[in-house]
């Protein structure tokens, strides 16, 4: 969606709800990629970003530098702190 400059709010909202339920199974790259996707289309889900922050903190030692960078960029881009 980001490369064609199109996004579906309904899809992103539904995906956020589902991702929140499964975040404990996400690897660091999956957390980072998910947040990056939302930030790239400028679609913020406060619930997702809050839940992802909690999960990322638990797994921060497993994050690679690029995953940390992309995750922080995502939060900054959607102005979520």
N, C-alpha and C. Protein backbone atom coordinates (compact mmCIF):
# COMPACT_ATOMS: atom_id res chain seq x y z
N UNK A 1 0.80 -1.20 0.00
CA UNK A 1 0.00 0.00 0.00
C UNK A 1 0.85 1.27 0.00
N UNK A 2 1.94 1.26 0.72
CA UNK A 2 2.75 2.47 0.81
C UNK A 2 3.35 2.86 -0.52
N UNK A 3 3.76 1.90 -1.33
CA UNK A 3 4.41 2.25 -2.58
C UNK A 3 3.42 2.74 -3.63
N UNK A 4 2.15 2.40 -3.48
CA UNK A 4 1.15 2.90 -4.43
C UNK A 4 0.35 4.06 -3.84
N UNK A 5 0.79 4.54 -2.71
CA UNK A 5 0.17 5.69 -2.04
C UNK A 5 -1.32 5.45 -1.79
N UNK A 6 -1.63 4.27 -1.28
CA UNK A 6 -3.01 3.93 -0.97
C UNK A 6 -3.04 3.12 0.32
N UNK A 7 -3.99 3.40 1.16
CA UNK A 7 -4.15 2.58 2.35
C UNK A 7 -5.63 2.45 2.67
N UNK A 8 -5.97 1.41 3.36
CA UNK A 8 -7.34 1.15 3.78
C UNK A 8 -7.38 1.25 5.29
N UNK A 9 -8.05 2.27 5.78
CA UNK A 9 -8.14 2.44 7.24
C UNK A 9 -8.77 1.24 7.90
N UNK A 10 -9.80 0.68 7.27
CA UNK A 10 -10.46 -0.48 7.85
C UNK A 10 -9.51 -1.67 7.97
N UNK A 11 -8.72 -1.88 6.93
CA UNK A 11 -7.76 -2.99 6.96
C UNK A 11 -6.72 -2.77 8.05
N UNK A 12 -6.17 -1.56 8.13
CA UNK A 12 -5.15 -1.28 9.13
C UNK A 12 -5.72 -1.36 10.54
N UNK A 13 -6.95 -0.92 10.74
CA UNK A 13 -7.57 -1.03 12.05
C UNK A 13 -7.79 -2.49 12.44
N UNK A 14 -8.27 -3.29 11.50
CA UNK A 14 -8.50 -4.72 11.77
C UNK A 14 -7.17 -5.44 12.02
N UNK A 15 -6.17 -5.11 11.23
CA UNK A 15 -4.85 -5.74 11.42
C UNK A 15 -4.26 -5.36 12.77
N UNK A 16 -4.45 -4.13 13.19
CA UNK A 16 -3.95 -3.70 14.50
C UNK A 16 -4.60 -4.51 15.61
N UNK A 17 -5.91 -4.68 15.52
CA UNK A 17 -6.62 -5.46 16.55
C UNK A 17 -6.08 -6.88 16.62
N UNK A 18 -5.84 -7.48 15.46
CA UNK A 18 -5.33 -8.85 15.43
C UNK A 18 -3.88 -8.92 15.91
N UNK A 19 -3.07 -7.95 15.50
CA UNK A 19 -1.66 -7.94 15.90
C UNK A 19 -1.52 -7.80 17.41
N UNK A 20 -2.34 -6.97 18.01
CA UNK A 20 -2.27 -6.78 19.47
C UNK A 20 -2.45 -8.12 20.18
N UNK A 21 -3.36 -8.94 19.68
CA UNK A 21 -3.61 -10.25 20.30
C UNK A 21 -2.41 -11.19 20.19
N UNK A 22 -1.55 -10.96 19.19
CA UNK A 22 -0.46 -11.89 18.89
C UNK A 22 0.93 -11.32 19.14
N UNK A 23 1.02 -10.10 19.68
CA UNK A 23 2.32 -9.45 19.82
C UNK A 23 3.32 -10.27 20.63
N UNK A 24 2.85 -11.03 21.59
CA UNK A 24 3.78 -11.81 22.40
C UNK A 24 4.54 -12.84 21.55
N UNK A 25 3.99 -13.21 20.39
CA UNK A 25 4.66 -14.16 19.50
C UNK A 25 5.51 -13.47 18.44
N UNK A 26 5.42 -12.16 18.33
CA UNK A 26 6.19 -11.42 17.33
C UNK A 26 7.67 -11.40 17.69
N UNK A 27 8.51 -11.60 16.69
CA UNK A 27 9.95 -11.41 16.84
C UNK A 27 10.24 -9.92 16.68
N UNK A 28 11.42 -9.47 17.12
CA UNK A 28 11.73 -8.04 16.99
C UNK A 28 11.54 -7.49 15.58
N UNK A 29 11.96 -8.22 14.57
CA UNK A 29 11.79 -7.71 13.20
C UNK A 29 10.31 -7.57 12.85
N UNK A 30 9.49 -8.46 13.32
CA UNK A 30 8.06 -8.40 13.03
C UNK A 30 7.41 -7.21 13.73
N UNK A 31 7.85 -6.91 14.93
CA UNK A 31 7.36 -5.71 15.63
C UNK A 31 7.77 -4.47 14.84
N UNK A 32 9.04 -4.41 14.51
CA UNK A 32 9.57 -3.26 13.78
C UNK A 32 8.89 -3.08 12.43
N UNK A 33 8.74 -4.16 11.68
CA UNK A 33 8.11 -4.08 10.36
C UNK A 33 6.64 -3.65 10.44
N UNK A 34 5.95 -4.15 11.44
CA UNK A 34 4.54 -3.79 11.61
C UNK A 34 4.41 -2.29 11.88
N UNK A 35 5.18 -1.80 12.82
CA UNK A 35 5.11 -0.37 13.14
C UNK A 35 5.55 0.49 11.97
N UNK A 36 6.59 0.05 11.27
CA UNK A 36 7.07 0.78 10.10
C UNK A 36 5.96 0.88 9.05
N UNK A 37 5.21 -0.20 8.86
CA UNK A 37 4.12 -0.19 7.89
C UNK A 37 3.08 0.86 8.23
N UNK A 38 2.71 0.94 9.48
CA UNK A 38 1.72 1.94 9.90
C UNK A 38 2.27 3.36 9.72
N UNK A 39 3.51 3.56 10.10
CA UNK A 39 4.09 4.89 9.98
C UNK A 39 4.25 5.31 8.53
N UNK A 40 4.58 4.38 7.67
CA UNK A 40 4.80 4.69 6.27
C UNK A 40 3.54 5.21 5.59
N UNK A 41 2.39 4.69 6.00
CA UNK A 41 1.13 5.18 5.42
C UNK A 41 0.47 6.21 6.33
N UNK A 42 1.19 6.64 7.37
CA UNK A 42 0.71 7.65 8.31
C UNK A 42 -0.63 7.25 8.94
N UNK A 43 -0.68 5.99 9.35
CA UNK A 43 -1.87 5.48 10.03
C UNK A 43 -1.46 5.07 11.44
N UNK A 44 -1.91 5.81 12.40
CA UNK A 44 -1.54 5.52 13.78
C UNK A 44 -2.66 4.76 14.48
N UNK A 45 -2.27 3.76 15.21
CA UNK A 45 -3.18 3.03 16.08
C UNK A 45 -2.58 3.12 17.48
N UNK A 46 -3.15 3.98 18.30
CA UNK A 46 -2.60 4.16 19.65
C UNK A 46 -2.53 2.86 20.42
N UNK A 47 -3.57 2.05 20.30
CA UNK A 47 -3.58 0.78 21.02
C UNK A 47 -2.44 -0.13 20.55
N UNK A 48 -2.24 -0.19 19.23
CA UNK A 48 -1.16 -1.03 18.70
C UNK A 48 0.20 -0.49 19.13
N UNK A 49 0.41 0.80 19.00
CA UNK A 49 1.71 1.37 19.35
C UNK A 49 1.99 1.24 20.84
N UNK A 50 0.97 1.38 21.67
CA UNK A 50 1.17 1.18 23.12
C UNK A 50 1.51 -0.27 23.43
N UNK A 51 0.76 -1.21 22.85
CA UNK A 51 1.02 -2.63 23.10
C UNK A 51 2.38 -3.05 22.54
N UNK A 52 2.73 -2.54 21.37
CA UNK A 52 4.02 -2.87 20.77
C UNK A 52 5.17 -2.33 21.61
N UNK A 53 4.99 -1.16 22.21
CA UNK A 53 6.03 -0.60 23.08
C UNK A 53 6.27 -1.53 24.27
N UNK A 54 5.19 -2.00 24.87
CA UNK A 54 5.33 -2.91 26.02
C UNK A 54 6.08 -4.18 25.61
N UNK A 55 5.73 -4.72 24.45
CA UNK A 55 6.36 -5.95 23.98
C UNK A 55 7.81 -5.71 23.58
N UNK A 56 8.07 -4.59 22.93
CA UNK A 56 9.44 -4.27 22.50
C UNK A 56 10.36 -4.11 23.71
N UNK A 57 9.87 -3.50 24.74
CA UNK A 57 10.69 -3.33 25.95
C UNK A 57 11.11 -4.69 26.51
N UNK A 58 10.20 -5.64 26.50
CA UNK A 58 10.51 -6.98 27.00
C UNK A 58 11.58 -7.68 26.16
N UNK A 59 11.61 -7.35 24.87
CA UNK A 59 12.49 -8.06 23.94
C UNK A 59 13.63 -7.19 23.41
N UNK A 60 13.83 -6.03 24.00
CA UNK A 60 14.77 -5.05 23.45
C UNK A 60 16.18 -5.61 23.27
N UNK A 61 16.60 -6.49 24.15
CA UNK A 61 17.94 -7.05 24.02
C UNK A 61 18.10 -7.92 22.77
N UNK A 62 16.99 -8.35 22.18
CA UNK A 62 17.04 -9.17 20.96
C UNK A 62 16.94 -8.34 19.68
N UNK A 63 16.65 -7.06 19.82
CA UNK A 63 16.52 -6.19 18.65
C UNK A 63 17.89 -5.91 18.05
N UNK A 64 17.99 -5.99 16.74
CA UNK A 64 19.19 -5.56 16.02
C UNK A 64 19.14 -4.05 15.90
N UNK A 65 20.30 -3.41 15.67
CA UNK A 65 20.32 -1.95 15.56
C UNK A 65 19.31 -1.39 14.54
N UNK A 66 19.19 -2.02 13.39
CA UNK A 66 18.26 -1.54 12.37
C UNK A 66 16.81 -1.64 12.86
N UNK A 67 16.50 -2.67 13.62
CA UNK A 67 15.14 -2.84 14.14
C UNK A 67 14.83 -1.78 15.20
N UNK A 68 15.82 -1.44 16.00
CA UNK A 68 15.64 -0.36 16.98
C UNK A 68 15.40 0.95 16.24
N UNK A 69 16.25 1.22 15.26
CA UNK A 69 16.14 2.45 14.48
C UNK A 69 14.78 2.56 13.79
N UNK A 70 14.35 1.51 13.12
CA UNK A 70 13.07 1.54 12.41
C UNK A 70 11.89 1.69 13.38
N UNK A 71 11.99 1.05 14.52
CA UNK A 71 10.93 1.16 15.52
C UNK A 71 10.82 2.58 16.04
N UNK A 72 11.95 3.17 16.39
CA UNK A 72 11.93 4.55 16.88
C UNK A 72 11.47 5.52 15.81
N UNK A 73 11.90 5.30 14.57
CA UNK A 73 11.46 6.14 13.46
C UNK A 73 9.93 6.07 13.33
N UNK A 74 9.38 4.89 13.49
CA UNK A 74 7.93 4.72 13.37
C UNK A 74 7.19 5.53 14.42
N UNK A 75 7.65 5.46 15.66
CA UNK A 75 7.02 6.22 16.72
C UNK A 75 7.13 7.73 16.47
N UNK A 76 8.29 8.16 16.01
CA UNK A 76 8.48 9.59 15.73
C UNK A 76 7.61 10.04 14.57
N UNK A 77 7.49 9.21 13.56
CA UNK A 77 6.74 9.58 12.37
C UNK A 77 5.25 9.75 12.65
N UNK A 78 4.70 8.90 13.49
CA UNK A 78 3.27 9.03 13.81
C UNK A 78 3.06 9.88 15.06
N UNK A 79 4.15 10.47 15.56
CA UNK A 79 4.12 11.37 16.73
C UNK A 79 3.49 10.67 17.94
N UNK A 80 3.97 9.46 18.19
CA UNK A 80 3.48 8.67 19.33
C UNK A 80 4.66 8.47 20.28
N UNK A 81 4.49 8.91 21.49
CA UNK A 81 5.59 8.73 22.45
C UNK A 81 5.09 8.14 23.75
